[in-house]
Amino acid sequence: MSVELLDTPRFHGFRVRRQIAGKTYQEYFSLKAEGKRLRGPKRAAIREQAELRDAELERLQTAAREKAAREVEIDAKGHVRGILFRLKREKSGTRTPVFQIGILSAREGKIVNTTVSINRHGLDEAWKRAVDFYVDHKKISKRSRAYRDLQGAKPSEAQFQRMVRQAARGRK
C-alpha cells in the first residue's frame, strides 16, 4: 500500500503515490478544513478516499506490469532483448557459440538464466529452444504475434558467422 500520512508544517494529510509504466502518479488528501485538523469520522472518510484511489492505481500498476512482462523488445538490428549471442569459454579453454537467455520470469517471479549451445543443437534448433525458454518464462502464447516476431528474429547463417567473427575479435 502506498498511502502515507504526511505531517509537516506545510501539509497534513495522506499522500498516494505509485509508479505506473515509468510515470509517477501522486495525489494528496488534506486532513485540514478551515485551518483545523480533522478528527474522527471525517478523518476516516478522507483515509478511505485515499485508500480507494490507491487501490485503483494499484490495479492500473498491475495491469501495466503484466503487459510489459509479455512484450518483446526487438531492436533495429533484429536482436531480442533478453536473448544474447555469446562465445562461452569452456573448462577446456575452447569457445563455444551459445544463445544466453536472461530474463525476469513471470512464472517464478525472479531472474532466470540459461544457455543453449549452437554447436550441439544447430542454429535453428538452438534458436527454437532459446525462444521456447523465453516465452515459457514470459508467459507468452505460442499463438501470439510476439511469438511469431521472436521466431522471425532468428539470425541468418551469414549473421551468425559475422557474430562469431566479431565475438572472436572481442567486439560485440
Protein backbone atom coordinates (compact mmCIF):
# COMPACT_ATOMS: atom_id res chain seq x y z
CA MET A 1 0.00 0.00 0.00
CA SER A 2 1.33 3.42 -0.81
CA VAL A 3 -0.93 5.62 1.30
CA GLU A 4 1.30 7.66 3.57
CA LEU A 5 0.38 10.08 6.34
CA LEU A 6 2.33 13.33 5.97
CA ASP A 7 2.54 15.73 8.91
CA THR A 8 4.77 18.66 8.02
CA PRO A 9 4.45 22.40 8.68
CA ARG A 10 3.23 22.81 5.07
CA PHE A 11 0.84 19.84 4.75
CA HIS A 12 -1.14 17.50 6.95
CA GLY A 13 -2.87 14.63 5.20
CA PHE A 14 -2.45 11.49 3.14
CA ARG A 15 -0.32 11.09 0.04
CA VAL A 16 -0.98 8.34 -2.50
CA ARG A 17 1.95 7.60 -4.79
CA ARG A 18 2.62 4.85 -7.37
CA GLN A 19 4.81 4.38 -10.43
CA ILE A 20 2.93 3.12 -13.48
CA ALA A 21 4.80 2.43 -16.73
CA GLY A 22 7.56 4.86 -15.82
CA LYS A 23 5.23 7.69 -14.79
CA THR A 24 4.69 8.78 -11.18
CA TYR A 25 1.11 9.26 -10.02
CA GLN A 26 0.92 11.26 -6.81
CA GLU A 27 -2.15 12.71 -5.13
CA TYR A 28 -2.74 14.45 -1.81
CA PHE A 29 -5.74 14.23 0.51
CA SER A 30 -5.78 17.01 3.11
CA LEU A 31 -6.77 16.41 6.72
CA LYS A 32 -7.38 20.11 7.37
CA ALA A 33 -10.56 22.12 6.97
CA GLU A 34 -10.81 25.81 7.80
CA GLY A 35 -7.32 25.73 9.31
CA LYS A 36 -8.11 22.92 11.76
CA ARG A 37 -7.16 19.27 11.72
CA LEU A 38 -9.91 16.77 11.00
CA ARG A 39 -10.55 14.00 13.51
CA GLY A 40 -12.88 11.04 13.93
CA PRO A 41 -15.28 10.07 11.15
CA LYS A 42 -14.19 12.90 8.83
CA ARG A 43 -10.57 11.76 9.06
CA ALA A 44 -11.64 8.13 8.45
CA ALA A 45 -13.62 9.21 5.37
CA ILE A 46 -10.58 11.02 3.92
CA ARG A 47 -8.41 7.97 4.60
CA GLU A 48 -10.95 5.75 2.86
CA GLN A 49 -10.89 8.06 -0.20
CA ALA A 50 -7.08 7.82 -0.29
CA GLU A 51 -7.17 4.03 0.03
CA LEU A 52 -9.78 3.72 -2.74
CA ARG A 53 -7.60 5.83 -5.05
CA ASP A 54 -4.57 3.75 -4.12
CA ALA A 55 -6.48 0.53 -4.94
CA GLU A 56 -7.44 1.97 -8.33
CA LEU A 57 -3.82 2.93 -9.07
CA GLU A 58 -2.66 -0.50 -7.90
CA ARG A 59 -4.96 -2.18 -10.46
CA LEU A 60 -3.53 0.04 -13.19
CA GLN A 61 0.02 -0.67 -11.99
CA THR A 62 -0.55 -4.43 -12.00
CA ALA A 63 -2.08 -4.35 -15.49
CA ALA A 64 0.81 -2.26 -16.83
CA ARG A 65 3.36 -4.57 -15.21
CA GLU A 66 1.72 -7.69 -16.69
CA LYS A 67 1.51 -6.08 -20.13
CA ALA A 68 5.18 -5.07 -20.03
CA ALA A 69 6.18 -8.57 -18.94
CA ARG A 70 4.55 -10.06 -22.06
CA GLU A 71 6.02 -7.57 -24.52
CA VAL A 72 9.02 -8.43 -26.65
CA GLU A 73 11.69 -5.87 -27.50
CA ILE A 74 13.46 -6.37 -30.82
CA ASP A 75 15.88 -3.62 -31.85
CA ALA A 76 16.62 -2.31 -35.36
CA LYS A 77 19.35 -4.93 -35.87
CA GLY A 78 16.93 -7.72 -35.04
CA HIS A 79 18.39 -8.51 -31.62
CA VAL A 80 15.94 -9.64 -28.95
CA ARG A 81 16.32 -8.07 -25.53
CA GLY A 82 16.97 -10.99 -23.19
CA ILE A 83 18.47 -13.37 -25.78
CA LEU A 84 22.15 -12.75 -26.44
CA PHE A 85 24.73 -14.41 -28.65
CA ARG A 86 27.94 -15.22 -26.76
CA LEU A 87 31.08 -17.28 -27.14
CA LYS A 88 31.16 -19.24 -23.89
CA ARG A 89 34.58 -20.31 -22.65
CA GLU A 90 34.51 -23.98 -21.66
CA LYS A 91 36.73 -25.52 -18.95
CA SER A 92 38.99 -26.85 -21.70
CA GLY A 93 39.52 -23.30 -22.95
CA THR A 94 37.60 -23.69 -26.19
CA ARG A 95 35.00 -21.08 -27.02
CA THR A 96 31.54 -22.40 -27.87
CA PRO A 97 28.82 -20.28 -29.51
CA VAL A 98 25.66 -20.13 -27.40
CA PHE A 99 22.44 -18.21 -27.04
CA GLN A 100 22.28 -16.87 -23.49
CA ILE A 101 18.84 -16.10 -22.12
CA GLY A 102 18.46 -13.89 -19.05
CA ILE A 103 15.01 -12.52 -18.20
CA LEU A 104 12.69 -11.71 -15.33
CA SER A 105 10.43 -14.75 -15.15
CA ALA A 106 6.71 -14.08 -14.85
CA ARG A 107 6.32 -17.72 -13.77
CA GLU A 108 8.86 -17.72 -10.96
CA GLY A 109 8.98 -14.01 -10.07
CA LYS A 110 12.76 -13.85 -10.29
CA ILE A 111 15.51 -13.53 -12.89
CA VAL A 112 16.24 -16.80 -14.70
CA ASN A 113 19.20 -17.62 -16.92
CA THR A 114 20.18 -20.42 -19.24
CA THR A 115 22.35 -21.05 -22.27
CA VAL A 116 21.66 -23.10 -25.38
CA SER A 117 24.63 -24.49 -27.31
CA ILE A 118 24.59 -23.76 -31.02
CA ASN A 119 27.23 -26.43 -31.72
CA ARG A 120 25.17 -29.11 -30.02
CA HIS A 121 21.73 -28.22 -31.44
CA GLY A 122 22.48 -26.33 -34.64
CA LEU A 123 21.45 -22.72 -35.27
CA ASP A 124 17.76 -23.38 -35.98
CA GLU A 125 17.11 -25.76 -33.08
CA ALA A 126 19.18 -23.66 -30.64
CA TRP A 127 17.14 -20.57 -31.52
CA LYS A 128 13.90 -22.52 -31.16
CA ARG A 129 14.96 -23.76 -27.71
CA ALA A 130 16.02 -20.25 -26.64
CA VAL A 131 12.70 -18.78 -27.79
CA ASP A 132 10.73 -21.58 -26.10
CA PHE A 133 12.52 -20.92 -22.79
CA TYR A 134 11.88 -17.17 -23.23
CA VAL A 135 8.14 -17.47 -23.96
CA ASP A 136 7.65 -20.10 -21.26
CA HIS A 137 9.00 -17.77 -18.57
CA LYS A 138 7.39 -14.63 -20.02
CA LYS A 139 4.02 -16.44 -20.30
CA ILE A 140 3.70 -15.57 -24.00
CA SER A 141 1.28 -17.69 -26.02
CA LYS A 142 2.73 -19.65 -28.92
CA ARG A 143 -0.24 -18.40 -30.95
CA SER A 144 0.61 -14.74 -30.35
CA ARG A 145 2.21 -12.20 -32.64
CA ALA A 146 5.04 -11.77 -30.12
CA TYR A 147 5.95 -15.46 -30.55
CA ARG A 148 5.98 -15.10 -34.35
CA ASP A 149 8.15 -11.97 -34.03
CA LEU A 150 10.60 -13.88 -31.85
CA GLN A 151 10.79 -16.75 -34.32
CA GLY A 152 11.37 -14.23 -37.11
CA ALA A 153 14.27 -12.60 -35.23
CA LYS A 154 16.45 -15.69 -35.63
CA PRO A 155 19.83 -14.67 -37.07
CA SER A 156 20.58 -15.91 -40.58
CA GLU A 157 23.59 -18.12 -41.23
CA ALA A 158 25.53 -15.10 -42.56
CA GLN A 159 24.63 -13.02 -39.49
CA PHE A 160 25.65 -15.92 -37.27
CA GLN A 161 29.06 -16.20 -38.95
CA ARG A 162 29.55 -12.43 -38.62
CA MET A 163 28.63 -12.58 -34.90
CA VAL A 164 31.13 -15.40 -34.36
CA ARG A 165 33.91 -13.41 -36.06
CA GLN A 166 33.09 -10.26 -34.08
CA ALA A 167 32.90 -12.14 -30.78
CA ALA A 168 36.22 -13.88 -31.53
CA ARG A 169 37.85 -10.47 -32.01
CA GLY A 170 36.42 -9.33 -28.68
CA ARG A 171 33.82 -6.93 -30.09
CA LYS A 172 30.11 -7.09 -29.71
